[in-house]
Amino acid sequence: MSEETKAPASATAPAGQAGKYEEDAIYQDGKIVARVLGVEVRSSSSEVHFDEVNDSELLMLPEECEFQKYRLIVKRIEYASRIDKTAPHKGRVLRGVVAEILGYREQ
């Protein structure tokens, strides 16, 4: 990954949650609604690409969400599965997820 596409590692926390924000989590309404693996931020196209989003039953897809310092909305999903038989502990699994960067979270 080039420097331009690396996910920022800076500590960014939702207001009032300093120190509690998790870098591999997607949030909605201040709550963790999914976990991610394989993140690539493409600032040139204002997109974040996730290899996998798991444990995502609570993620409301048509609604805005937060990941690290970004406000996002999911635009495309290549593959979705209610239960991954090889890893049932992951819950609903989404693969090849592309989210549009809408802006930055209030800090």
N, C-alpha and C. Protein backbone atom coordinates (compact mmCIF):
# COMPACT_ATOMS: atom_id res chain seq x y z
N MET A 1 0.83 -1.17 0.00
CA MET A 1 0.00 0.00 0.00
C MET A 1 0.88 1.23 0.00
N SER A 2 0.53 2.22 -0.78
CA SER A 2 1.29 3.46 -0.77
C SER A 2 0.87 4.29 0.43
N GLU A 3 1.66 5.31 0.73
CA GLU A 3 1.33 6.19 1.86
C GLU A 3 -0.04 6.81 1.67
N GLU A 4 -0.40 7.13 0.43
CA GLU A 4 -1.67 7.80 0.15
C GLU A 4 -2.87 6.94 0.50
N THR A 5 -2.73 5.61 0.42
CA THR A 5 -3.88 4.75 0.64
C THR A 5 -3.89 4.09 2.01
N LYS A 6 -2.89 4.34 2.83
CA LYS A 6 -2.87 3.71 4.15
C LYS A 6 -3.92 4.31 5.06
N ALA A 7 -4.49 3.47 5.89
CA ALA A 7 -5.47 3.95 6.87
C ALA A 7 -4.71 4.70 7.96
N PRO A 8 -5.22 5.85 8.37
CA PRO A 8 -4.52 6.60 9.41
C PRO A 8 -4.54 5.85 10.73
N ALA A 9 -3.44 5.94 11.46
CA ALA A 9 -3.34 5.23 12.72
C ALA A 9 -3.50 6.17 13.90
N SER A 10 -3.80 7.44 13.62
CA SER A 10 -3.95 8.39 14.71
C SER A 10 -5.15 8.05 15.58
N ALA A 11 -5.06 8.39 16.84
CA ALA A 11 -6.18 8.11 17.75
C ALA A 11 -7.26 9.14 17.52
N THR A 12 -8.40 8.68 17.04
CA THR A 12 -9.53 9.58 16.82
C THR A 12 -10.72 8.98 17.52
N ALA A 13 -11.36 9.78 18.36
CA ALA A 13 -12.46 9.26 19.15
C ALA A 13 -13.70 10.11 18.97
N PRO A 14 -14.87 9.47 18.93
CA PRO A 14 -16.10 10.25 18.90
C PRO A 14 -16.19 11.13 20.14
N ALA A 15 -16.85 12.24 20.03
CA ALA A 15 -16.96 13.17 21.15
C ALA A 15 -17.43 12.44 22.40
N GLY A 16 -16.72 12.66 23.49
CA GLY A 16 -17.10 12.04 24.75
C GLY A 16 -16.63 10.61 24.91
N GLN A 17 -15.92 10.07 23.92
CA GLN A 17 -15.47 8.69 24.02
C GLN A 17 -13.95 8.59 23.86
N ALA A 18 -13.23 9.59 24.29
CA ALA A 18 -11.78 9.58 24.16
C ALA A 18 -11.22 8.30 24.77
N GLY A 19 -10.32 7.66 24.04
CA GLY A 19 -9.69 6.46 24.52
C GLY A 19 -10.50 5.19 24.30
N LYS A 20 -11.75 5.30 23.88
CA LYS A 20 -12.59 4.12 23.70
C LYS A 20 -12.79 3.76 22.22
N TYR A 21 -12.40 4.65 21.33
CA TYR A 21 -12.62 4.42 19.90
C TYR A 21 -11.71 3.31 19.41
N GLU A 22 -12.27 2.34 18.67
CA GLU A 22 -11.49 1.21 18.19
C GLU A 22 -11.24 1.35 16.69
N GLU A 23 -10.00 1.19 16.28
CA GLU A 23 -9.58 1.41 14.90
C GLU A 23 -10.20 0.43 13.90
N ASP A 24 -10.61 -0.76 14.36
CA ASP A 24 -11.16 -1.77 13.43
C ASP A 24 -12.68 -1.84 13.50
N ALA A 25 -13.32 -0.80 14.06
CA ALA A 25 -14.77 -0.84 14.25
C ALA A 25 -15.48 0.22 13.42
N ILE A 26 -16.69 -0.12 13.00
CA ILE A 26 -17.59 0.84 12.35
C ILE A 26 -18.65 1.19 13.38
N TYR A 27 -18.95 2.48 13.48
CA TYR A 27 -19.89 2.99 14.48
C TYR A 27 -21.12 3.61 13.81
N GLN A 28 -22.26 3.47 14.46
CA GLN A 28 -23.47 4.22 14.15
C GLN A 28 -24.09 4.62 15.47
N ASP A 29 -24.50 5.86 15.59
CA ASP A 29 -25.09 6.38 16.83
C ASP A 29 -24.19 6.11 18.04
N GLY A 30 -22.88 6.21 17.84
CA GLY A 30 -21.94 6.04 18.95
C GLY A 30 -21.71 4.61 19.40
N LYS A 31 -22.29 3.63 18.68
CA LYS A 31 -22.15 2.22 19.06
C LYS A 31 -21.44 1.44 17.96
N ILE A 32 -20.67 0.44 18.37
CA ILE A 32 -20.01 -0.44 17.39
C ILE A 32 -21.07 -1.30 16.73
N VAL A 33 -21.10 -1.27 15.38
CA VAL A 33 -22.08 -2.06 14.64
C VAL A 33 -21.43 -3.07 13.69
N ALA A 34 -20.08 -3.03 13.58
CA ALA A 34 -19.38 -3.98 12.72
C ALA A 34 -17.88 -3.88 12.98
N ARG A 35 -17.17 -4.92 12.54
CA ARG A 35 -15.70 -4.98 12.60
C ARG A 35 -15.17 -5.12 11.18
N VAL A 36 -13.98 -4.62 10.93
CA VAL A 36 -13.43 -4.65 9.57
C VAL A 36 -12.07 -5.32 9.53
N LEU A 37 -11.76 -5.87 8.37
CA LEU A 37 -10.45 -6.45 8.06
C LEU A 37 -10.03 -5.94 6.69
N GLY A 38 -8.76 -5.65 6.53
CA GLY A 38 -8.24 -5.25 5.23
C GLY A 38 -8.81 -3.93 4.76
N VAL A 39 -8.28 -2.82 5.29
CA VAL A 39 -8.79 -1.49 4.97
C VAL A 39 -7.83 -0.77 4.04
N GLU A 40 -8.38 -0.10 3.04
CA GLU A 40 -7.58 0.75 2.16
C GLU A 40 -8.36 2.04 1.93
N VAL A 41 -7.76 3.15 2.37
CA VAL A 41 -8.37 4.46 2.16
C VAL A 41 -7.81 5.02 0.85
N ARG A 42 -8.70 5.33 -0.07
CA ARG A 42 -8.30 5.91 -1.36
C ARG A 42 -8.77 7.35 -1.40
N SER A 43 -7.94 8.24 -0.88
CA SER A 43 -8.34 9.64 -0.80
C SER A 43 -8.53 10.26 -2.18
N SER A 44 -7.84 9.77 -3.19
CA SER A 44 -7.99 10.33 -4.54
C SER A 44 -9.40 10.11 -5.09
N SER A 45 -10.07 9.03 -4.68
CA SER A 45 -11.43 8.77 -5.16
C SER A 45 -12.47 8.92 -4.04
N SER A 46 -12.04 9.43 -2.89
CA SER A 46 -12.93 9.63 -1.73
C SER A 46 -13.67 8.35 -1.35
N GLU A 47 -12.92 7.24 -1.29
CA GLU A 47 -13.51 5.95 -0.94
C GLU A 47 -12.66 5.22 0.08
N VAL A 48 -13.33 4.36 0.84
CA VAL A 48 -12.65 3.42 1.73
C VAL A 48 -13.08 2.03 1.27
N HIS A 49 -12.10 1.16 1.03
CA HIS A 49 -12.36 -0.21 0.59
C HIS A 49 -12.05 -1.15 1.76
N PHE A 50 -13.01 -2.02 2.05
CA PHE A 50 -12.84 -3.02 3.12
C PHE A 50 -12.83 -4.40 2.47
N ASP A 51 -11.82 -5.21 2.78
CA ASP A 51 -11.81 -6.59 2.31
C ASP A 51 -12.98 -7.34 2.92
N GLU A 52 -13.20 -7.11 4.22
CA GLU A 52 -14.28 -7.81 4.93
C GLU A 52 -14.85 -6.94 6.04
N VAL A 53 -16.17 -6.97 6.14
CA VAL A 53 -16.88 -6.35 7.26
C VAL A 53 -17.65 -7.49 7.92
N ASN A 54 -17.36 -7.77 9.19
CA ASN A 54 -18.04 -8.89 9.85
C ASN A 54 -18.74 -8.44 11.12
N ASP A 55 -19.50 -9.35 11.70
CA ASP A 55 -20.28 -9.06 12.90
C ASP A 55 -21.14 -7.82 12.66
N SER A 56 -21.78 -7.79 11.46
CA SER A 56 -22.42 -6.57 10.97
C SER A 56 -23.94 -6.59 11.00
N GLU A 57 -24.53 -7.44 11.82
CA GLU A 57 -25.99 -7.51 11.88
C GLU A 57 -26.63 -6.17 12.25
N LEU A 58 -25.96 -5.38 13.07
CA LEU A 58 -26.52 -4.10 13.51
C LEU A 58 -26.23 -2.94 12.56
N LEU A 59 -25.37 -3.17 11.56
CA LEU A 59 -25.02 -2.12 10.60
C LEU A 59 -26.20 -1.85 9.68
N MET A 60 -26.73 -0.63 9.74
CA MET A 60 -27.83 -0.21 8.87
C MET A 60 -27.20 0.34 7.59
N LEU A 61 -27.25 -0.45 6.53
CA LEU A 61 -26.52 -0.13 5.31
C LEU A 61 -26.93 1.16 4.61
N PRO A 62 -28.19 1.52 4.56
CA PRO A 62 -28.48 2.76 3.84
C PRO A 62 -28.18 4.02 4.66
N GLU A 63 -27.66 3.85 5.87
CA GLU A 63 -27.42 5.01 6.74
C GLU A 63 -25.94 5.32 6.88
N GLU A 64 -25.66 6.55 7.21
CA GLU A 64 -24.30 7.01 7.43
C GLU A 64 -23.67 6.28 8.61
N CYS A 65 -22.36 6.05 8.53
CA CYS A 65 -21.64 5.43 9.63
C CYS A 65 -20.29 6.12 9.79
N GLU A 66 -19.57 5.74 10.84
CA GLU A 66 -18.27 6.34 11.11
C GLU A 66 -17.22 5.24 11.21
N PHE A 67 -16.06 5.53 10.62
CA PHE A 67 -14.92 4.61 10.70
C PHE A 67 -13.68 5.48 10.82
N GLN A 68 -12.91 5.25 11.88
CA GLN A 68 -11.73 6.06 12.18
C GLN A 68 -12.13 7.53 12.15
N LYS A 69 -11.53 8.35 11.31
CA LYS A 69 -11.87 9.78 11.32
C LYS A 69 -12.91 10.15 10.28
N TYR A 70 -13.44 9.15 9.57
CA TYR A 70 -14.33 9.41 8.43
C TYR A 70 -15.80 9.19 8.73
N ARG A 71 -16.64 9.95 8.03
CA ARG A 71 -18.08 9.69 7.94
C ARG A 71 -18.29 9.04 6.58
N LEU A 72 -18.95 7.88 6.56
CA LEU A 72 -19.06 7.07 5.34
C LEU A 72 -20.49 6.66 5.06
N ILE A 73 -20.71 6.25 3.82
CA ILE A 73 -21.93 5.54 3.47
C ILE A 73 -21.52 4.41 2.52
N VAL A 74 -22.01 3.21 2.80
CA VAL A 74 -21.67 2.03 1.99
C VAL A 74 -22.35 2.16 0.63
N LYS A 75 -21.55 2.00 -0.44
CA LYS A 75 -22.07 2.11 -1.80
C LYS A 75 -22.15 0.77 -2.52
N ARG A 76 -21.17 -0.12 -2.29
CA ARG A 76 -21.15 -1.41 -3.00
C ARG A 76 -20.68 -2.52 -2.08
N ILE A 77 -21.27 -3.71 -2.31
CA ILE A 77 -20.87 -4.92 -1.59
C ILE A 77 -20.78 -6.03 -2.63
N GLU A 78 -19.62 -6.66 -2.73
CA GLU A 78 -19.45 -7.74 -3.70
C GLU A 78 -20.13 -9.03 -3.25
N TYR A 79 -20.09 -9.31 -1.95
CA TYR A 79 -20.58 -10.59 -1.44
C TYR A 79 -21.12 -10.39 -0.03
N ALA A 80 -22.28 -10.98 0.25
CA ALA A 80 -22.85 -10.91 1.59
C ALA A 80 -23.32 -12.29 2.00
N SER A 81 -23.10 -12.64 3.27
CA SER A 81 -23.52 -13.93 3.79
C SER A 81 -24.03 -13.75 5.22
N ARG A 82 -25.20 -14.30 5.49
CA ARG A 82 -25.77 -14.21 6.83
C ARG A 82 -24.85 -14.90 7.84
N ILE A 83 -24.35 -16.08 7.50
CA ILE A 83 -23.44 -16.82 8.37
C ILE A 83 -22.35 -17.44 7.49
N ASP A 84 -21.10 -17.19 7.85
CA ASP A 84 -19.97 -17.81 7.15
C ASP A 84 -19.76 -19.16 7.82
N LYS A 85 -20.04 -20.24 7.10
CA LYS A 85 -19.96 -21.58 7.70
C LYS A 85 -18.56 -21.93 8.19
N THR A 86 -17.54 -21.30 7.60
CA THR A 86 -16.17 -21.57 8.04
C THR A 86 -15.80 -20.74 9.27
N ALA A 87 -16.60 -19.71 9.58
CA ALA A 87 -16.34 -18.86 10.75
C ALA A 87 -17.65 -18.30 11.29
N PRO A 88 -18.49 -19.15 11.88
CA PRO A 88 -19.81 -18.70 12.33
C PRO A 88 -19.77 -17.59 13.39
N HIS A 89 -18.65 -17.48 14.11
CA HIS A 89 -18.52 -16.44 15.14
C HIS A 89 -18.48 -15.04 14.55
N LYS A 90 -18.29 -14.92 13.22
CA LYS A 90 -18.20 -13.61 12.58
C LYS A 90 -19.57 -13.00 12.27
N GLY A 91 -20.64 -13.77 12.45
CA GLY A 91 -21.97 -13.24 12.15
C GLY A 91 -22.11 -12.89 10.67
N ARG A 92 -22.93 -11.87 10.35
CA ARG A 92 -23.11 -11.47 8.95
C ARG A 92 -21.78 -10.94 8.41
N VAL A 93 -21.37 -11.47 7.26
CA VAL A 93 -20.10 -11.11 6.66
C VAL A 93 -20.35 -10.45 5.31
N LEU A 94 -19.73 -9.30 5.11
CA LEU A 94 -19.78 -8.58 3.84
C LEU A 94 -18.36 -8.51 3.30
N ARG A 95 -18.17 -8.83 2.04
CA ARG A 95 -16.82 -8.79 1.45
C ARG A 95 -16.81 -7.86 0.25
N GLY A 96 -15.64 -7.27 0.00
CA GLY A 96 -15.51 -6.35 -1.13
C GLY A 96 -16.38 -5.12 -0.96
N VAL A 97 -16.34 -4.53 0.21
CA VAL A 97 -17.21 -3.39 0.52
C VAL A 97 -16.50 -2.08 0.16
N VAL A 98 -17.24 -1.22 -0.55
CA VAL A 98 -16.74 0.11 -0.90
C VAL A 98 -17.66 1.14 -0.28
N ALA A 99 -17.07 2.06 0.48
CA ALA A 99 -17.85 3.12 1.11
C ALA A 99 -17.34 4.48 0.63
N GLU A 100 -18.28 5.38 0.39
CA GLU A 100 -17.93 6.73 -0.03
C GLU A 100 -17.64 7.57 1.21
N ILE A 101 -16.56 8.36 1.15
CA ILE A 101 -16.22 9.28 2.25
C ILE A 101 -17.10 10.51 2.09
N LEU A 102 -17.94 10.76 3.09
CA LEU A 102 -18.83 11.92 3.07
C LEU A 102 -18.18 13.14 3.71
N GLY A 103 -17.25 12.88 4.60
CA GLY A 103 -16.57 13.96 5.31
C GLY A 103 -15.84 13.39 6.51
N TYR A 104 -15.58 14.27 7.45
CA TYR A 104 -14.84 13.87 8.65
C TYR A 104 -15.72 14.03 9.88
N ARG A 105 -15.47 13.17 10.85
CA ARG A 105 -16.24 13.22 12.09
C ARG A 105 -15.94 14.49 12.84
N GLU A 106 -16.93 14.94 13.62
CA GLU A 106 -16.72 16.07 14.54
C GLU A 106 -15.83 15.58 15.67
N GLN A 107 -14.86 16.40 16.06
CA GLN A 107 -13.98 15.97 17.14
C GLN A 107 -14.01 16.93 18.29
